[in-house]
Amino acid sequence: MAYVINDSCVSCGTCEGECPVGAIGAGDGKYEINADTCVDCGTCAGACPVGAIAAE
């Protein structure tokens, strides 16, 4: 089960730098997590300053 970024994302980029496998990138209006690359570690969720990331 991959993590997802919801519409609360403020596009700060913090999560992208914290992802150990490079599964996060800028999307259309918010960052997105590639579910095929995500290893479900939760590092991004802990790093997000606005709580926009949660397990799917």
N, C-alpha and C. Protein backbone atom coordinates (compact mmCIF):
# COMPACT_ATOMS: atom_id res chain seq x y z
N MET A 1 0.85 -1.18 0.00
CA MET A 1 0.00 0.00 0.00
C MET A 1 0.89 1.24 0.00
N ALA A 2 0.86 1.98 -1.06
CA ALA A 2 1.69 3.18 -1.20
C ALA A 2 1.09 4.35 -0.43
N TYR A 3 1.92 5.33 -0.20
CA TYR A 3 1.46 6.57 0.40
C TYR A 3 0.96 7.48 -0.71
N VAL A 4 0.07 8.41 -0.37
CA VAL A 4 -0.47 9.37 -1.33
C VAL A 4 -0.41 10.76 -0.73
N ILE A 5 -0.35 11.75 -1.61
CA ILE A 5 -0.33 13.14 -1.20
C ILE A 5 -1.68 13.75 -1.55
N ASN A 6 -2.34 14.34 -0.56
CA ASN A 6 -3.67 14.91 -0.81
C ASN A 6 -3.59 16.38 -1.22
N ASP A 7 -4.74 17.01 -1.38
CA ASP A 7 -4.82 18.38 -1.87
C ASP A 7 -4.34 19.42 -0.87
N SER A 8 -3.98 19.01 0.34
CA SER A 8 -3.43 19.95 1.33
C SER A 8 -1.98 20.29 1.02
N CYS A 9 -1.39 19.60 0.06
CA CYS A 9 0.01 19.81 -0.33
C CYS A 9 0.23 21.27 -0.73
N VAL A 10 1.30 21.87 -0.19
CA VAL A 10 1.64 23.25 -0.52
C VAL A 10 2.85 23.32 -1.46
N SER A 11 3.25 22.18 -2.02
CA SER A 11 4.35 22.08 -2.98
C SER A 11 5.66 22.65 -2.45
N CYS A 12 5.96 22.37 -1.19
CA CYS A 12 7.21 22.87 -0.60
C CYS A 12 8.42 22.03 -1.00
N GLY A 13 8.20 20.76 -1.39
CA GLY A 13 9.28 19.90 -1.82
C GLY A 13 10.01 19.15 -0.73
N THR A 14 9.61 19.33 0.51
CA THR A 14 10.27 18.65 1.63
C THR A 14 10.23 17.14 1.46
N CYS A 15 9.10 16.61 1.09
CA CYS A 15 8.94 15.16 0.94
C CYS A 15 9.86 14.59 -0.12
N GLU A 16 10.02 15.29 -1.21
CA GLU A 16 10.85 14.81 -2.31
C GLU A 16 12.29 14.57 -1.84
N GLY A 17 12.81 15.49 -1.06
CA GLY A 17 14.17 15.37 -0.57
C GLY A 17 14.35 14.29 0.49
N GLU A 18 13.27 13.92 1.16
CA GLU A 18 13.33 12.92 2.22
C GLU A 18 13.13 11.49 1.73
N CYS A 19 12.54 11.31 0.57
CA CYS A 19 12.24 9.97 0.06
C CYS A 19 13.53 9.20 -0.27
N PRO A 20 13.75 8.07 0.39
CA PRO A 20 15.00 7.32 0.17
C PRO A 20 15.08 6.59 -1.17
N VAL A 21 13.96 6.46 -1.86
CA VAL A 21 13.96 5.74 -3.14
C VAL A 21 13.58 6.63 -4.33
N GLY A 22 13.44 7.93 -4.11
CA GLY A 22 13.14 8.84 -5.20
C GLY A 22 11.77 8.65 -5.82
N ALA A 23 10.80 8.28 -5.00
CA ALA A 23 9.46 8.00 -5.53
C ALA A 23 8.58 9.24 -5.64
N ILE A 24 9.07 10.39 -5.21
CA ILE A 24 8.24 11.60 -5.18
C ILE A 24 8.77 12.64 -6.16
N GLY A 25 7.84 13.25 -6.90
CA GLY A 25 8.20 14.29 -7.84
C GLY A 25 7.09 15.31 -7.98
N ALA A 26 7.42 16.44 -8.55
CA ALA A 26 6.44 17.50 -8.75
C ALA A 26 5.39 17.05 -9.76
N GLY A 27 4.14 17.27 -9.39
CA GLY A 27 3.04 16.93 -10.27
C GLY A 27 2.29 18.18 -10.67
N ASP A 28 1.06 18.02 -11.07
CA ASP A 28 0.23 19.13 -11.51
C ASP A 28 -0.41 19.80 -10.30
N GLY A 29 0.21 20.83 -9.77
CA GLY A 29 -0.33 21.58 -8.64
C GLY A 29 0.05 21.05 -7.28
N LYS A 30 0.64 19.86 -7.21
CA LYS A 30 1.10 19.28 -5.95
C LYS A 30 2.10 18.18 -6.27
N TYR A 31 2.80 17.73 -5.26
CA TYR A 31 3.75 16.63 -5.46
C TYR A 31 2.99 15.31 -5.55
N GLU A 32 3.60 14.33 -6.21
CA GLU A 32 2.96 13.03 -6.39
C GLU A 32 3.94 11.92 -6.03
N ILE A 33 3.40 10.81 -5.56
CA ILE A 33 4.20 9.65 -5.20
C ILE A 33 3.96 8.55 -6.23
N ASN A 34 5.02 8.02 -6.79
CA ASN A 34 4.93 6.92 -7.75
C ASN A 34 4.71 5.64 -6.94
N ALA A 35 3.53 5.08 -7.02
CA ALA A 35 3.16 3.90 -6.23
C ALA A 35 4.03 2.68 -6.56
N ASP A 36 4.53 2.60 -7.78
CA ASP A 36 5.37 1.48 -8.17
C ASP A 36 6.76 1.54 -7.55
N THR A 37 7.19 2.74 -7.19
CA THR A 37 8.52 2.93 -6.61
C THR A 37 8.48 3.02 -5.09
N CYS A 38 7.38 3.50 -4.55
CA CYS A 38 7.21 3.68 -3.09
C CYS A 38 7.41 2.36 -2.35
N VAL A 39 8.20 2.41 -1.27
CA VAL A 39 8.45 1.20 -0.46
C VAL A 39 7.71 1.26 0.88
N ASP A 40 6.75 2.15 1.01
CA ASP A 40 5.89 2.25 2.19
C ASP A 40 6.64 2.49 3.49
N CYS A 41 7.71 3.26 3.44
CA CYS A 41 8.50 3.50 4.66
C CYS A 41 7.90 4.58 5.54
N GLY A 42 7.11 5.51 4.97
CA GLY A 42 6.47 6.55 5.74
C GLY A 42 7.34 7.76 6.05
N THR A 43 8.55 7.79 5.54
CA THR A 43 9.45 8.91 5.80
C THR A 43 8.85 10.22 5.31
N CYS A 44 8.23 10.19 4.17
CA CYS A 44 7.63 11.39 3.59
C CYS A 44 6.52 11.94 4.48
N ALA A 45 5.69 11.05 5.00
CA ALA A 45 4.58 11.47 5.86
C ALA A 45 5.09 12.17 7.11
N GLY A 46 6.17 11.65 7.67
CA GLY A 46 6.75 12.27 8.86
C GLY A 46 7.40 13.60 8.58
N ALA A 47 7.85 13.80 7.35
CA ALA A 47 8.55 15.04 6.98
C ALA A 47 7.61 16.15 6.53
N CYS A 48 6.41 15.80 6.10
CA CYS A 48 5.48 16.80 5.55
C CYS A 48 5.04 17.80 6.62
N PRO A 49 5.32 19.09 6.40
CA PRO A 49 4.97 20.10 7.41
C PRO A 49 3.47 20.39 7.53
N VAL A 50 2.68 19.97 6.54
CA VAL A 50 1.25 20.25 6.58
C VAL A 50 0.40 18.99 6.70
N GLY A 51 1.03 17.83 6.87
CA GLY A 51 0.29 16.59 7.03
C GLY A 51 -0.49 16.16 5.82
N ALA A 52 0.05 16.43 4.63
CA ALA A 52 -0.67 16.13 3.41
C ALA A 52 -0.42 14.72 2.87
N ILE A 53 0.36 13.91 3.60
CA ILE A 53 0.70 12.58 3.11
C ILE A 53 0.20 11.51 4.08
N ALA A 54 -0.47 10.50 3.53
CA ALA A 54 -1.00 9.41 4.35
C ALA A 54 -0.97 8.11 3.56
N ALA A 55 -1.05 7.00 4.28
CA ALA A 55 -1.12 5.71 3.62
C ALA A 55 -2.42 5.61 2.84
N GLU A 56 -2.34 5.04 1.66
CA GLU A 56 -3.51 4.91 0.79
C GLU A 56 -4.48 3.91 1.34
